[in-house]
N, C-alpha and C. Protein backbone atom coordinates (compact mmCIF):
# COMPACT_ATOMS: atom_id res chain seq x y z
N UNK A 1 0.80 -1.20 0.00
CA UNK A 1 0.00 0.00 0.00
C UNK A 1 0.85 1.27 0.00
N UNK A 2 1.89 1.19 0.79
CA UNK A 2 2.73 2.36 0.90
C UNK A 2 3.34 2.74 -0.45
N UNK A 3 3.82 1.72 -1.19
CA UNK A 3 4.45 2.04 -2.47
C UNK A 3 3.43 2.56 -3.47
N UNK A 4 2.21 2.03 -3.43
CA UNK A 4 1.22 2.54 -4.39
C UNK A 4 0.82 3.96 -4.04
N UNK A 5 0.78 4.27 -2.72
CA UNK A 5 0.45 5.63 -2.32
C UNK A 5 1.59 6.58 -2.72
N UNK A 6 2.82 6.16 -2.49
CA UNK A 6 3.98 6.96 -2.90
C UNK A 6 3.99 7.16 -4.40
N UNK A 7 3.62 6.12 -5.13
CA UNK A 7 3.59 6.20 -6.59
C UNK A 7 2.53 7.21 -7.05
N UNK A 8 1.36 7.20 -6.41
CA UNK A 8 0.31 8.13 -6.83
C UNK A 8 0.68 9.56 -6.48
N UNK A 9 1.40 9.75 -5.38
CA UNK A 9 1.84 11.10 -5.04
C UNK A 9 2.84 11.59 -6.09
N UNK A 10 3.79 10.72 -6.46
CA UNK A 10 4.75 11.09 -7.51
C UNK A 10 4.04 11.36 -8.82
N UNK A 11 3.09 10.51 -9.17
CA UNK A 11 2.34 10.67 -10.41
C UNK A 11 1.56 11.99 -10.39
N UNK A 12 0.95 12.30 -9.26
CA UNK A 12 0.19 13.54 -9.13
C UNK A 12 1.12 14.74 -9.26
N UNK A 13 2.30 14.65 -8.65
CA UNK A 13 3.28 15.73 -8.72
C UNK A 13 3.75 15.93 -10.16
N UNK A 14 3.98 14.84 -10.88
CA UNK A 14 4.41 14.94 -12.28
C UNK A 14 3.34 15.58 -13.14
N UNK A 15 2.07 15.23 -12.92
CA UNK A 15 1.02 15.81 -13.75
C UNK A 15 0.84 17.30 -13.45
N UNK A 16 1.05 17.72 -12.19
CA UNK A 16 0.97 19.14 -11.86
C UNK A 16 2.11 19.89 -12.56
N UNK A 17 3.32 19.31 -12.53
CA UNK A 17 4.47 19.93 -13.20
C UNK A 17 4.21 20.03 -14.70
N UNK A 18 3.68 18.95 -15.29
CA UNK A 18 3.38 18.96 -16.73
C UNK A 18 2.32 20.00 -17.04
N UNK A 19 1.33 20.14 -16.17
CA UNK A 19 0.27 21.12 -16.38
C UNK A 19 0.83 22.54 -16.32
N UNK A 20 1.71 22.80 -15.36
CA UNK A 20 2.34 24.12 -15.25
C UNK A 20 3.20 24.41 -16.48
N UNK A 21 3.93 23.41 -16.93
CA UNK A 21 4.77 23.57 -18.11
C UNK A 21 3.91 23.87 -19.34
N UNK A 22 2.80 23.16 -19.49
CA UNK A 22 1.91 23.39 -20.63
C UNK A 22 1.31 24.79 -20.55
N UNK A 23 0.93 25.22 -19.36
CA UNK A 23 0.35 26.56 -19.20
C UNK A 23 1.39 27.64 -19.50
N UNK A 24 2.61 27.44 -19.03
CA UNK A 24 3.69 28.39 -19.31
C UNK A 24 3.96 28.44 -20.81
N UNK A 25 3.94 27.29 -21.46
CA UNK A 25 4.16 27.24 -22.91
C UNK A 25 3.05 27.99 -23.65
N UNK A 26 1.80 27.81 -23.24
CA UNK A 26 0.68 28.55 -23.86
C UNK A 26 0.87 30.06 -23.67
N UNK A 27 1.25 30.46 -22.45
CA UNK A 27 1.47 31.88 -22.17
C UNK A 27 2.59 32.45 -23.02
N UNK A 28 3.68 31.69 -23.15
CA UNK A 28 4.81 32.16 -23.96
C UNK A 28 4.41 32.26 -25.43
N UNK A 29 3.68 31.28 -25.90
CA UNK A 29 3.23 31.32 -27.30
C UNK A 29 2.37 32.55 -27.56
N UNK A 30 1.42 32.82 -26.66
CA UNK A 30 0.55 33.99 -26.83
C UNK A 30 1.36 35.29 -26.75
N UNK A 31 2.35 35.34 -25.86
CA UNK A 31 3.18 36.55 -25.73
C UNK A 31 4.02 36.76 -26.99
N UNK A 32 4.57 35.69 -27.55
CA UNK A 32 5.35 35.79 -28.79
C UNK A 32 4.45 36.24 -29.93
N UNK A 33 3.26 35.63 -30.05
CA UNK A 33 2.32 36.03 -31.11
C UNK A 33 1.92 37.49 -30.95
N UNK A 34 1.67 37.92 -29.72
CA UNK A 34 1.29 39.31 -29.46
C UNK A 34 2.44 40.25 -29.87
N UNK A 35 3.66 39.88 -29.53
CA UNK A 35 4.82 40.69 -29.89
C UNK A 35 4.96 40.78 -31.41
N UNK A 36 4.79 39.65 -32.09
CA UNK A 36 4.95 39.63 -33.55
C UNK A 36 3.86 40.43 -34.26
N UNK A 37 2.64 40.41 -33.74
CA UNK A 37 1.55 41.11 -34.42
C UNK A 37 1.44 42.58 -34.04
N UNK A 38 1.76 42.92 -32.78
CA UNK A 38 1.54 44.31 -32.36
C UNK A 38 2.78 45.01 -31.82
N UNK A 39 3.85 44.25 -31.56
CA UNK A 39 5.05 44.86 -30.99
C UNK A 39 4.97 45.04 -29.49
N UNK A 40 3.87 44.65 -28.88
CA UNK A 40 3.70 44.76 -27.44
C UNK A 40 4.60 43.74 -26.75
N UNK A 41 5.48 44.26 -25.88
CA UNK A 41 6.45 43.36 -25.27
C UNK A 41 6.34 43.19 -23.75
N UNK A 42 5.37 43.85 -23.10
CA UNK A 42 5.30 43.80 -21.64
C UNK A 42 5.05 42.38 -21.10
N UNK A 43 4.15 41.62 -21.71
CA UNK A 43 3.87 40.25 -21.25
C UNK A 43 5.09 39.37 -21.50
N UNK A 44 5.71 39.52 -22.64
CA UNK A 44 6.89 38.74 -22.99
C UNK A 44 8.03 39.03 -22.00
N UNK A 45 8.27 40.29 -21.70
CA UNK A 45 9.33 40.65 -20.76
C UNK A 45 9.02 40.14 -19.35
N UNK A 46 7.76 40.18 -18.95
CA UNK A 46 7.38 39.66 -17.63
C UNK A 46 7.65 38.16 -17.56
N UNK A 47 7.30 37.43 -18.62
CA UNK A 47 7.55 35.99 -18.64
C UNK A 47 9.05 35.69 -18.59
N UNK A 48 9.84 36.45 -19.34
CA UNK A 48 11.29 36.25 -19.35
C UNK A 48 11.85 36.50 -17.95
N UNK A 49 11.40 37.55 -17.30
CA UNK A 49 11.89 37.88 -15.96
C UNK A 49 11.44 36.89 -14.89
N UNK A 50 10.20 36.43 -14.99
CA UNK A 50 9.65 35.53 -13.97
C UNK A 50 10.04 34.07 -14.17
N UNK A 51 10.45 33.69 -15.36
CA UNK A 51 10.68 32.28 -15.67
C UNK A 51 12.02 32.08 -16.39
N UNK A 52 13.12 32.07 -15.64
CA UNK A 52 14.43 31.86 -16.28
C UNK A 52 14.53 30.50 -16.97
N UNK A 53 13.68 29.56 -16.60
CA UNK A 53 13.70 28.23 -17.24
C UNK A 53 13.29 28.31 -18.71
N UNK A 54 12.70 29.42 -19.13
CA UNK A 54 12.33 29.57 -20.54
C UNK A 54 13.54 29.62 -21.45
N UNK A 55 14.71 29.90 -20.89
CA UNK A 55 15.91 29.97 -21.73
C UNK A 55 16.64 28.63 -21.81
N UNK A 56 16.15 27.61 -21.13
CA UNK A 56 16.79 26.29 -21.16
C UNK A 56 16.21 25.44 -22.26
N UNK A 57 17.01 25.20 -23.28
CA UNK A 57 16.53 24.36 -24.38
C UNK A 57 16.75 22.90 -24.05
N UNK A 58 16.03 22.05 -24.73
CA UNK A 58 16.18 20.60 -24.55
C UNK A 58 17.39 20.10 -25.35
N UNK A 59 17.66 18.81 -25.24
CA UNK A 59 18.83 18.24 -25.92
C UNK A 59 18.52 17.71 -27.32
N UNK A 60 17.27 17.81 -27.76
CA UNK A 60 16.91 17.28 -29.07
C UNK A 60 17.54 18.12 -30.18
N UNK A 61 17.75 17.50 -31.30
CA UNK A 61 18.41 18.14 -32.44
C UNK A 61 17.42 18.43 -33.57
N UNK A 62 17.87 19.26 -34.51
CA UNK A 62 17.09 19.61 -35.70
C UNK A 62 16.76 18.34 -36.48
N UNK A 63 15.60 18.23 -37.02
CA UNK A 63 14.51 19.19 -37.14
C UNK A 63 13.52 19.16 -35.98
N UNK A 64 13.66 18.18 -35.06
CA UNK A 64 12.69 18.10 -33.97
C UNK A 64 12.78 19.31 -33.06
N UNK A 65 13.98 19.82 -32.81
CA UNK A 65 14.16 21.10 -32.14
C UNK A 65 14.60 22.08 -33.23
N UNK A 66 13.90 23.18 -33.35
CA UNK A 66 14.18 24.09 -34.47
C UNK A 66 13.91 25.54 -34.07
N UNK A 67 14.47 26.44 -34.87
CA UNK A 67 14.30 27.88 -34.66
C UNK A 67 13.02 28.35 -35.34
N UNK A 68 12.30 29.19 -34.64
CA UNK A 68 11.13 29.83 -35.24
C UNK A 68 11.57 31.17 -35.82
N UNK A 69 12.13 32.01 -34.98
CA UNK A 69 12.73 33.25 -35.46
C UNK A 69 13.41 33.96 -34.31
N UNK A 70 14.17 34.98 -34.63
CA UNK A 70 14.83 35.79 -33.62
C UNK A 70 14.01 37.05 -33.38
N UNK A 71 13.92 37.43 -32.11
CA UNK A 71 13.18 38.63 -31.72
C UNK A 71 14.14 39.59 -31.05
N UNK A 72 14.02 40.86 -31.36
CA UNK A 72 14.77 41.89 -30.65
C UNK A 72 13.76 42.61 -29.76
N UNK A 73 13.94 42.42 -28.46
CA UNK A 73 13.03 42.98 -27.46
C UNK A 73 13.81 43.97 -26.61
N UNK A 74 13.49 45.25 -26.79
CA UNK A 74 14.16 46.33 -26.07
C UNK A 74 15.69 46.19 -26.13
N UNK A 75 16.18 45.96 -27.35
CA UNK A 75 17.62 45.92 -27.59
C UNK A 75 18.29 44.58 -27.29
N UNK A 76 17.56 43.63 -26.79
CA UNK A 76 18.13 42.31 -26.48
C UNK A 76 17.55 41.29 -27.46
N UNK A 77 18.41 40.41 -28.01
CA UNK A 77 17.97 39.43 -29.00
C UNK A 77 17.71 38.09 -28.34
N UNK A 78 16.56 37.51 -28.68
CA UNK A 78 16.18 36.19 -28.20
C UNK A 78 15.86 35.31 -29.41
N UNK A 79 16.33 34.10 -29.36
CA UNK A 79 16.01 33.11 -30.39
C UNK A 79 14.84 32.28 -29.88
N UNK A 80 13.73 32.29 -30.63
CA UNK A 80 12.56 31.49 -30.26
C UNK A 80 12.76 30.10 -30.86
N UNK A 81 12.81 29.10 -30.00
CA UNK A 81 13.01 27.71 -30.41
C UNK A 81 11.80 26.90 -29.99
N UNK A 82 11.58 25.81 -30.71
CA UNK A 82 10.47 24.91 -30.37
C UNK A 82 10.95 23.47 -30.54
N UNK A 83 10.44 22.59 -29.70
CA UNK A 83 10.80 21.17 -29.82
C UNK A 83 9.55 20.34 -30.02
N UNK A 84 9.48 19.65 -31.14
CA UNK A 84 8.35 18.77 -31.45
C UNK A 84 8.27 17.65 -30.42
N UNK A 85 9.41 17.07 -30.08
CA UNK A 85 9.47 15.93 -29.17
C UNK A 85 9.02 16.30 -27.76
N UNK A 86 9.24 17.53 -27.36
CA UNK A 86 8.88 17.99 -26.01
C UNK A 86 7.52 18.70 -26.01
N UNK A 87 6.55 18.11 -26.66
CA UNK A 87 5.18 18.65 -26.70
C UNK A 87 5.14 20.08 -27.25
N UNK A 88 5.99 20.35 -28.24
CA UNK A 88 6.05 21.66 -28.90
C UNK A 88 6.40 22.78 -27.92
N UNK A 89 7.23 22.45 -26.95
CA UNK A 89 7.66 23.42 -25.95
C UNK A 89 8.50 24.51 -26.61
N UNK A 90 8.19 25.76 -26.26
CA UNK A 90 8.94 26.91 -26.76
C UNK A 90 10.00 27.31 -25.73
N UNK A 91 11.12 27.79 -26.21
CA UNK A 91 12.14 28.39 -25.35
C UNK A 91 12.60 29.69 -25.99
N UNK A 92 13.10 30.56 -25.15
CA UNK A 92 13.66 31.84 -25.60
C UNK A 92 15.11 31.85 -25.19
N UNK A 93 15.99 31.71 -26.14
CA UNK A 93 17.41 31.64 -25.85
C UNK A 93 18.05 32.98 -26.17
N UNK A 94 18.63 33.66 -25.16
CA UNK A 94 19.35 34.91 -25.46
C UNK A 94 20.49 34.63 -26.43
N UNK A 95 20.69 35.52 -27.39
CA UNK A 95 21.76 35.33 -28.37
C UNK A 95 22.35 36.69 -28.74
N UNK A 96 23.61 36.66 -29.13
CA UNK A 96 24.28 37.89 -29.56
C UNK A 96 24.13 38.12 -31.05
N UNK A 97 23.71 37.08 -31.78
CA UNK A 97 23.60 37.16 -33.23
C UNK A 97 22.15 37.08 -33.65
N UNK A 98 21.75 37.98 -34.52
CA UNK A 98 20.39 37.97 -35.03
C UNK A 98 20.38 37.38 -36.43
N UNK A 99 19.49 36.43 -36.64
CA UNK A 99 19.30 35.85 -37.96
C UNK A 99 18.00 36.44 -38.53
N UNK A 100 18.12 37.14 -39.64
CA UNK A 100 16.96 37.80 -40.23
C UNK A 100 16.00 36.81 -40.89
N UNK A 101 16.53 35.66 -41.30
CA UNK A 101 15.68 34.66 -41.96
C UNK A 101 14.71 34.05 -40.95
N UNK A 102 13.51 33.81 -41.44
CA UNK A 102 12.52 33.14 -40.59
C UNK A 102 12.82 31.65 -40.58
N UNK A 103 12.51 31.01 -39.48
CA UNK A 103 12.66 29.57 -39.37
C UNK A 103 11.33 28.89 -39.66
N UNK A 104 11.06 27.84 -38.93
CA UNK A 104 9.81 27.10 -39.06
C UNK A 104 8.69 27.98 -38.49
N UNK A 105 7.60 28.16 -39.23
CA UNK A 105 6.56 29.08 -38.75
C UNK A 105 5.88 28.62 -37.46
N UNK A 106 5.53 29.58 -36.64
CA UNK A 106 4.84 29.31 -35.38
C UNK A 106 3.47 28.68 -35.63
N UNK A 107 2.84 29.00 -36.78
CA UNK A 107 1.51 28.46 -37.06
C UNK A 107 1.53 26.98 -37.43
N UNK A 108 2.69 26.44 -37.76
CA UNK A 108 2.79 25.02 -38.10
C UNK A 108 2.84 24.23 -36.79
N UNK A 109 1.78 23.50 -36.50
CA UNK A 109 1.66 22.80 -35.22
C UNK A 109 1.09 21.39 -35.41
N UNK A 110 1.10 20.63 -34.35
CA UNK A 110 0.43 19.34 -34.31
C UNK A 110 0.99 18.33 -35.29
N UNK A 111 0.07 17.57 -35.89
CA UNK A 111 0.50 16.48 -36.78
C UNK A 111 1.22 17.00 -38.03
N UNK A 112 0.88 18.21 -38.49
CA UNK A 112 1.56 18.78 -39.65
C UNK A 112 3.03 19.11 -39.33
N UNK A 113 3.27 19.63 -38.12
CA UNK A 113 4.63 19.91 -37.69
C UNK A 113 5.43 18.61 -37.56
N UNK A 114 4.83 17.61 -36.94
CA UNK A 114 5.50 16.32 -36.79
C UNK A 114 5.79 15.68 -38.15
N UNK A 115 4.85 15.81 -39.09
CA UNK A 115 5.03 15.30 -40.45
C UNK A 115 6.22 15.99 -41.12
N UNK A 116 6.30 17.32 -41.00
CA UNK A 116 7.41 18.05 -41.58
C UNK A 116 8.74 17.54 -41.01
N UNK A 117 8.82 17.38 -39.68
CA UNK A 117 10.07 16.94 -39.04
C UNK A 117 10.46 15.53 -39.50
N UNK A 118 9.49 14.62 -39.55
CA UNK A 118 9.78 13.25 -40.02
C UNK A 118 10.25 13.26 -41.47
N UNK A 119 9.64 14.12 -42.27
CA UNK A 119 9.98 14.21 -43.70
C UNK A 119 11.42 14.73 -43.88
N UNK A 120 11.81 15.71 -43.07
CA UNK A 120 13.18 16.23 -43.14
C UNK A 120 14.18 15.16 -42.74
N UNK A 121 13.87 14.40 -41.69
CA UNK A 121 14.78 13.34 -41.26
C UNK A 121 14.92 12.28 -42.35
N UNK A 122 13.80 11.90 -42.95
CA UNK A 122 13.81 10.81 -43.93
C UNK A 122 14.38 11.21 -45.28
N UNK A 123 14.03 12.41 -45.76
CA UNK A 123 14.40 12.80 -47.13
C UNK A 123 15.35 13.98 -47.21
N UNK A 124 15.62 14.64 -46.10
CA UNK A 124 16.50 15.80 -46.11
C UNK A 124 15.81 17.03 -46.67
N UNK A 125 16.57 18.08 -46.86
CA UNK A 125 16.05 19.33 -47.40
C UNK A 125 16.92 19.73 -48.59
N UNK A 126 16.31 20.38 -49.55
CA UNK A 126 17.07 20.82 -50.72
C UNK A 126 17.05 22.34 -50.84
N UNK A 127 17.00 23.03 -49.72
CA UNK A 127 16.99 24.48 -49.71
C UNK A 127 15.89 24.99 -48.80
N UNK A 128 15.65 26.29 -48.82
CA UNK A 128 14.62 26.86 -47.97
C UNK A 128 13.23 26.27 -48.30
N UNK A 129 12.44 26.09 -47.28
CA UNK A 129 11.10 25.53 -47.45
C UNK A 129 10.12 26.64 -47.81
N UNK A 130 9.30 26.41 -48.79
CA UNK A 130 8.18 27.30 -49.11
C UNK A 130 7.05 26.89 -48.17
N UNK A 131 6.90 27.61 -47.06
CA UNK A 131 5.98 27.19 -46.00
C UNK A 131 4.53 27.22 -46.44
N UNK A 132 4.17 28.14 -47.31
CA UNK A 132 2.77 28.20 -47.75
C UNK A 132 2.47 27.05 -48.71
N UNK A 133 3.44 26.67 -49.53
CA UNK A 133 3.26 25.49 -50.38
C UNK A 133 3.19 24.24 -49.51
N UNK A 134 4.01 24.18 -48.46
CA UNK A 134 3.97 23.04 -47.55
C UNK A 134 2.61 22.97 -46.86
N UNK A 135 2.08 24.12 -46.46
CA UNK A 135 0.77 24.15 -45.80
C UNK A 135 -0.32 23.63 -46.73
N UNK A 136 -0.27 24.06 -48.01
CA UNK A 136 -1.26 23.57 -48.98
C UNK A 136 -1.13 22.06 -49.15
N UNK A 137 0.11 21.57 -49.23
CA UNK A 137 0.35 20.13 -49.36
C UNK A 137 -0.18 19.39 -48.14
N UNK A 138 0.16 19.87 -46.97
CA UNK A 138 -0.23 19.19 -45.73
C UNK A 138 -1.74 19.17 -45.55
N UNK A 139 -2.42 20.19 -46.05
CA UNK A 139 -3.87 20.24 -45.91
C UNK A 139 -4.60 19.53 -47.04
N UNK A 140 -3.85 19.04 -48.04
CA UNK A 140 -4.48 18.43 -49.22
C UNK A 140 -4.96 17.00 -48.98
N UNK A 141 -4.43 16.35 -47.95
CA UNK A 141 -4.78 14.95 -47.69
C UNK A 141 -4.39 14.60 -46.26
N UNK A 142 -4.93 13.50 -45.76
CA UNK A 142 -4.49 13.06 -44.41
C UNK A 142 -2.99 12.77 -44.41
N UNK A 143 -2.36 12.98 -43.27
CA UNK A 143 -0.92 12.79 -43.15
C UNK A 143 -0.50 11.39 -43.60
N UNK A 144 -1.27 10.37 -43.26
CA UNK A 144 -0.91 9.00 -43.65
C UNK A 144 -0.83 8.87 -45.18
N UNK A 145 -1.75 9.51 -45.90
CA UNK A 145 -1.70 9.47 -47.37
C UNK A 145 -0.48 10.22 -47.90
N UNK A 146 -0.14 11.35 -47.27
CA UNK A 146 1.03 12.11 -47.70
C UNK A 146 2.30 11.30 -47.47
N UNK A 147 2.39 10.61 -46.35
CA UNK A 147 3.57 9.79 -46.08
C UNK A 147 3.68 8.63 -47.07
N UNK A 148 2.53 8.03 -47.43
CA UNK A 148 2.54 6.97 -48.45
C UNK A 148 3.00 7.52 -49.79
N UNK A 149 2.51 8.72 -50.15
CA UNK A 149 2.91 9.35 -51.41
C UNK A 149 4.40 9.66 -51.41
N UNK A 150 4.92 10.18 -50.28
CA UNK A 150 6.36 10.45 -50.16
C UNK A 150 7.16 9.18 -50.37
N UNK A 151 6.75 8.09 -49.72
CA UNK A 151 7.47 6.81 -49.82
C UNK A 151 7.43 6.28 -51.25
N UNK A 152 6.27 6.40 -51.90
CA UNK A 152 6.12 5.94 -53.29
C UNK A 152 7.03 6.75 -54.22
N UNK A 153 7.05 8.06 -54.06
CA UNK A 153 7.90 8.92 -54.90
C UNK A 153 9.38 8.63 -54.65
N UNK A 154 9.75 8.40 -53.40
CA UNK A 154 11.15 8.07 -53.10
C UNK A 154 11.54 6.74 -53.72
N UNK A 155 10.64 5.75 -53.66
CA UNK A 155 10.92 4.44 -54.26
C UNK A 155 11.05 4.55 -55.78
N UNK A 156 10.19 5.36 -56.41
CA UNK A 156 10.27 5.56 -57.86
C UNK A 156 11.58 6.24 -58.25
N UNK A 157 11.99 7.23 -57.48
CA UNK A 157 13.25 7.93 -57.76
C UNK A 157 14.43 6.99 -57.58
N UNK A 158 14.39 6.17 -56.55
CA UNK A 158 15.46 5.20 -56.31
C UNK A 158 15.53 4.17 -57.44
N UNK A 159 14.38 3.72 -57.92
CA UNK A 159 14.34 2.75 -59.03
C UNK A 159 14.92 3.38 -60.29
N UNK A 160 14.61 4.64 -60.54
CA UNK A 160 15.14 5.34 -61.70
C UNK A 160 16.66 5.46 -61.62
N UNK A 161 17.17 5.76 -60.44
CA UNK A 161 18.62 5.86 -60.26
C UNK A 161 19.27 4.50 -60.47
N UNK A 162 18.67 3.45 -59.91
CA UNK A 162 19.23 2.10 -60.09
C UNK A 162 19.26 1.73 -61.57
N UNK A 163 18.21 2.10 -62.30
CA UNK A 163 18.14 1.80 -63.73
C UNK A 163 19.26 2.51 -64.48
N UNK A 164 19.52 3.76 -64.13
CA UNK A 164 20.58 4.52 -64.78
C UNK A 164 21.97 3.99 -64.43
N UNK A 165 22.11 3.46 -63.24
CA UNK A 165 23.40 2.97 -62.78
C UNK A 165 23.66 1.52 -63.18
N UNK A 166 22.67 0.81 -63.68
CA UNK A 166 22.79 -0.61 -64.04
C UNK A 166 23.61 -0.75 -65.32
N UNK A 167 24.81 -1.37 -65.24
CA UNK A 167 25.65 -1.51 -66.43
C UNK A 167 25.03 -2.44 -67.48
N UNK A 168 24.11 -3.26 -67.09
CA UNK A 168 23.45 -4.17 -68.03
C UNK A 168 22.26 -3.50 -68.73
N UNK A 169 21.80 -2.42 -68.16
CA UNK A 169 20.61 -1.76 -68.70
C UNK A 169 20.94 -0.92 -69.92
N UNK A 170 19.94 -0.40 -70.54
CA UNK A 170 20.09 0.38 -71.76
C UNK A 170 20.93 1.64 -71.53
N UNK A 171 20.66 2.34 -70.42
CA UNK A 171 21.41 3.56 -70.15
C UNK A 171 22.88 3.25 -69.92
N UNK A 172 23.15 2.13 -69.26
CA UNK A 172 24.53 1.74 -68.99
C UNK A 172 25.30 1.47 -70.28
N UNK A 173 24.65 0.90 -71.30
CA UNK A 173 25.33 0.57 -72.55
C UNK A 173 25.77 1.81 -73.31
N UNK A 174 25.12 2.93 -73.12
CA UNK A 174 25.50 4.13 -73.86
C UNK A 174 26.86 4.65 -73.42
N UNK A 175 27.37 4.18 -72.29
CA UNK A 175 28.66 4.62 -71.81
C UNK A 175 29.81 3.69 -72.23
N UNK A 176 29.48 2.59 -72.91
CA UNK A 176 30.51 1.65 -73.35
C UNK A 176 31.22 2.22 -74.58
N UNK A 177 32.53 1.91 -74.74
CA UNK A 177 33.24 2.43 -75.91
C UNK A 177 32.68 1.85 -77.21
N UNK A 178 32.73 2.64 -78.24
CA UNK A 178 32.23 2.22 -79.55
C UNK A 178 33.32 1.41 -80.24
N UNK A 179 32.94 0.28 -80.83
CA UNK A 179 33.88 -0.57 -81.59
C UNK A 179 34.21 0.14 -82.90
N UNK A 180 35.49 0.47 -83.17
CA UNK A 180 35.83 1.24 -84.37
C UNK A 180 35.71 0.45 -85.68
N UNK A 181 35.48 -0.85 -85.67
CA UNK A 181 35.44 -1.63 -86.92
C UNK A 181 34.28 -1.31 -87.74
């Protein structure tokens, strides 16, 4: 009995911590959105001052942990980061360098964000992402269908490459020396 009671106390404590973390994340997200749309920084500055843990990023790597954008708030630069693996937790990391390029958009959330991250891991990136084209793609079909389409296209591309590289195939023969007779 004692261990089950101790376990429930620990479980209850963990859920309270998770709830506080989720609430802090919602507050930070709203403060960042407010700053981006109106330039109002008082809520953002209050959160930064009251919650130094907001500057602690997780150990996950790109693309699961990624930059959203850099903000200059009253002369100080903060990098807004988000981690897909950590329930889309946002962090504000002070930085001396400002990157003018936008990162992954704040509006990309949930299964679409997770799909983007899995796609980057599996297929890589070939340059900057057109986020509005990605949004149209992601909204065009259920994620499972998009993943099937990605896998089918990758398999077709791989088959095409194998065909071109096959020395017995037609394309391979075009590279053989011509008999001068």
